[in-house]
Protein backbone atom coordinates (compact mmCIF):
# COMPACT_ATOMS: atom_id res chain seq x y z
CA MET A 1 -21.36 90.98 83.03
CA SER A 2 -17.80 91.20 81.59
CA SER A 3 -16.91 93.16 78.50
CA ASP A 4 -14.45 91.96 75.85
CA ILE A 5 -11.89 94.49 77.14
CA THR A 6 -11.86 93.02 80.64
CA VAL A 7 -11.58 89.47 79.28
CA ALA A 8 -9.04 89.94 76.45
CA GLY A 9 -7.53 93.34 77.19
CA ASP A 10 -7.82 96.55 75.25
CA PRO A 11 -7.15 95.72 71.58
CA LEU A 12 -6.03 99.32 70.92
CA ALA A 13 -3.43 99.37 73.66
CA ALA A 14 0.03 98.73 72.22
CA PRO A 15 2.79 97.11 74.26
CA ASP A 16 5.82 99.24 75.16
CA THR A 17 7.91 97.46 72.55
CA LEU A 18 6.88 95.55 69.48
CA ALA A 19 8.63 92.29 68.67
CA LEU A 20 9.00 92.09 64.90
CA PRO A 21 9.92 88.80 63.28
CA THR A 22 13.45 88.49 61.95
CA ALA A 23 13.61 88.48 58.17
CA PRO A 24 14.88 85.20 56.72
CA PRO A 25 18.25 85.31 54.95
CA ILE A 26 18.13 86.11 51.25
CA ARG A 27 18.26 82.91 49.21
CA THR A 28 19.07 83.19 45.55
CA GLY A 29 17.51 80.39 43.50
CA VAL A 30 19.69 78.04 41.46
CA GLY A 31 17.81 78.99 38.30
CA ARG A 32 18.69 82.64 38.81
CA LEU A 33 22.34 81.76 39.50
CA ALA A 34 22.49 79.62 36.36
CA GLY A 35 20.98 82.49 34.37
CA LEU A 36 23.64 84.86 35.71
CA ALA A 37 26.40 82.38 34.88
CA ALA A 38 25.08 81.99 31.32
CA ARG A 39 24.75 85.76 30.86
CA TYR A 40 28.27 86.52 32.06
CA ALA A 41 29.70 83.55 30.13
CA ALA A 42 28.19 84.95 26.93
CA GLU A 43 29.69 88.38 27.68
CA VAL A 44 33.14 86.86 28.26
CA ALA A 45 32.87 84.72 25.10
CA ALA A 46 32.13 87.89 23.12
CA ALA A 47 35.16 89.67 24.62
CA PRO A 48 37.95 87.10 25.08
CA HIS A 49 40.54 89.88 25.39
CA THR A 50 39.17 90.55 28.91
CA VAL A 51 40.58 87.23 30.17
CA GLY A 52 44.03 87.04 31.72
CA PHE A 53 46.27 84.01 32.21
CA ASP A 54 48.79 83.26 34.96
CA PRO A 55 51.49 80.64 34.27
CA VAL A 56 51.79 79.80 38.00
CA SER A 57 48.17 79.43 39.18
CA ARG A 58 44.60 79.99 38.12
CA TRP A 59 43.87 83.59 37.14
CA TYR A 60 40.66 85.14 38.47
CA ARG A 61 38.80 88.44 38.51
CA LEU A 62 35.62 89.56 40.27
CA LEU A 63 33.09 90.54 37.61
CA HIS A 64 30.15 91.52 39.79
CA SER A 65 29.19 91.65 43.47
CA ALA A 66 25.73 92.16 44.99
CA ASP A 67 24.27 91.69 48.46
CA ASP A 68 23.21 88.12 47.73
CA HIS A 69 25.74 86.84 45.16
CA GLU A 70 29.00 87.42 43.32
CA VAL A 71 30.34 86.50 39.89
CA TRP A 72 33.96 85.48 39.19
CA LEU A 73 35.86 84.97 35.92
CA LEU A 74 38.56 82.27 36.04
CA SER A 75 41.12 81.01 33.56
CA TRP A 76 42.95 77.71 33.73
CA LEU A 77 46.09 76.80 31.81
CA PRO A 78 46.71 73.09 31.16
CA GLY A 79 47.47 71.31 34.43
CA GLN A 80 46.02 74.01 36.69
CA GLY A 81 43.32 72.97 39.16
CA THR A 82 41.76 73.53 42.54
CA GLY A 83 42.28 70.35 44.49
CA ALA A 84 39.30 69.05 46.47
CA HIS A 85 37.41 71.87 48.19
CA ASP A 86 33.99 73.17 49.21
CA HIS A 87 32.55 76.68 49.13
CA GLY A 88 31.54 76.88 52.79
CA GLY A 89 27.92 77.96 53.11
CA SER A 90 27.68 79.21 49.53
CA ALA A 91 26.00 77.47 46.62
CA GLY A 92 27.96 77.62 43.40
CA VAL A 93 27.09 77.55 39.73
CA PHE A 94 29.74 77.66 37.04
CA ALA A 95 29.66 77.75 33.28
CA VAL A 96 32.50 76.75 30.97
CA VAL A 97 33.20 79.47 28.40
CA SER A 98 36.05 77.83 26.47
CA GLY A 99 38.36 74.86 26.71
CA GLU A 100 37.67 71.77 28.81
CA LEU A 101 37.55 71.32 32.56
CA HIS A 102 37.43 68.02 34.44
CA GLU A 103 35.31 67.95 37.58
CA GLN A 104 35.55 65.25 40.20
CA ALA A 105 32.64 65.19 42.66
CA GLY A 106 30.74 62.71 44.78
CA SER A 107 28.80 61.55 41.74
CA GLY A 108 31.94 60.74 39.74
CA GLU A 109 34.14 62.49 37.21
CA ARG A 110 32.99 64.38 34.15
CA VAL A 111 34.46 66.45 31.32
CA LEU A 112 32.89 69.89 31.04
CA ARG A 113 32.90 71.69 27.70
CA PRO A 114 31.74 75.15 26.57
CA GLY A 115 28.07 75.74 27.30
CA VAL A 116 27.96 73.29 30.21
CA THR A 117 26.74 74.66 33.54
CA ARG A 118 27.33 72.84 36.84
CA VAL A 119 25.73 73.38 40.24
CA SER A 120 27.19 72.59 43.67
CA GLY A 121 25.29 73.07 46.89
CA PRO A 122 26.65 74.55 50.10
CA GLY A 123 29.25 72.22 51.58
CA ALA A 124 29.51 70.04 48.45
CA VAL A 125 33.08 68.89 47.78
CA HIS A 126 34.53 68.86 44.28
CA ALA A 127 37.81 69.36 42.42
CA ILE A 128 38.26 71.06 39.05
CA THR A 129 41.30 70.67 36.78
CA ASN A 130 42.23 71.61 33.24
CA MET A 131 43.54 68.26 32.01
CA GLY A 132 43.43 69.33 28.38
CA THR A 133 46.06 70.85 26.12
CA GLU A 134 44.38 74.25 25.66
CA PRO A 135 43.53 77.03 28.15
CA ALA A 136 40.06 76.96 29.68
CA VAL A 137 37.84 79.82 30.86
CA SER A 138 34.87 79.64 33.23
CA VAL A 139 32.42 81.92 35.03
CA HIS A 140 31.45 81.13 38.64
CA VAL A 141 28.48 82.52 40.60
CA TYR A 142 28.26 82.10 44.38
CA ALA A 143 25.33 82.81 46.69
CA PRO A 144 25.64 84.04 49.26
CA ARG A 145 28.95 85.71 48.42
CA LEU A 146 31.93 83.39 48.85
CA THR A 147 33.52 83.71 52.29
CA ALA A 148 35.29 80.34 52.56
CA MET A 149 36.86 77.76 50.30
CA THR A 150 37.75 74.81 52.51
CA PRO A 151 40.36 72.36 51.19
CA HIS A 152 39.70 68.62 51.58
CA ASP A 153 41.96 65.56 51.36
CA GLY A 154 40.05 64.21 48.41
CA VAL A 155 36.72 63.72 46.75
CA ARG A 156 34.83 60.56 47.62
CA THR A 157 32.84 58.93 44.88
CA ALA A 158 29.23 58.01 45.49
CA ALA A 159 30.27 54.35 45.98
CA GLU A 160 32.87 55.31 48.61
CA ALA A 161 30.36 57.48 50.46
CA VAL A 162 28.00 54.56 51.13
CA PRO A 163 29.17 52.15 53.88
CA VAL A 164 29.04 48.50 52.87
CA ALA A 165 27.59 46.07 55.41
CA GLY A 166 29.97 43.18 56.00
C-alpha cells in the first residue's frame, strides 16, 4: 500500500528555491489621473502667479512626481504648440486651466476651454496649439512617468485612418 507521501511527495519539503510570480506593473486608472489633473488645475487657477511664460516656446514646470505618475504645468502663448506627437508608453490626461487650446487627434479637431479634461492613451497621436489671442495654461498628468515624446509627421483623422475599398 502506498502512502500520500510516496505518491505526491512530502508536502512539507520545500524546494531549494522558491519561484515567486513577478508583480504586474503599476497601472494608474484614468479616473485617478483625471482627478489629479483637476486637483492641480484648481491649485494653479487659485495661484496664477506660479505660472511662467516663455516668448520662444512653451513654458513648463514639473509640479509633482511619484513612482507611477507625474504632473506638469504648461503655459502656451498665442501660436505656440506641440506639433503631432505621442507620449510613448504613457497615458496622458490634461486639463485646461485658462485660455483656449486646440487639439487635433484621430477623432478630429476640438477647442478646449477651462474646465475641459482630455485623455490620450499610450501611443495615441495628437497635436495641441494655442490658436487664440490670449495665453493658455494647462496641467498634464502622465502614467507611467513620461519617458518619450515621439514626433510624428501629422495627425490622421478618423476618416483617413480607415482604408477605403476601391
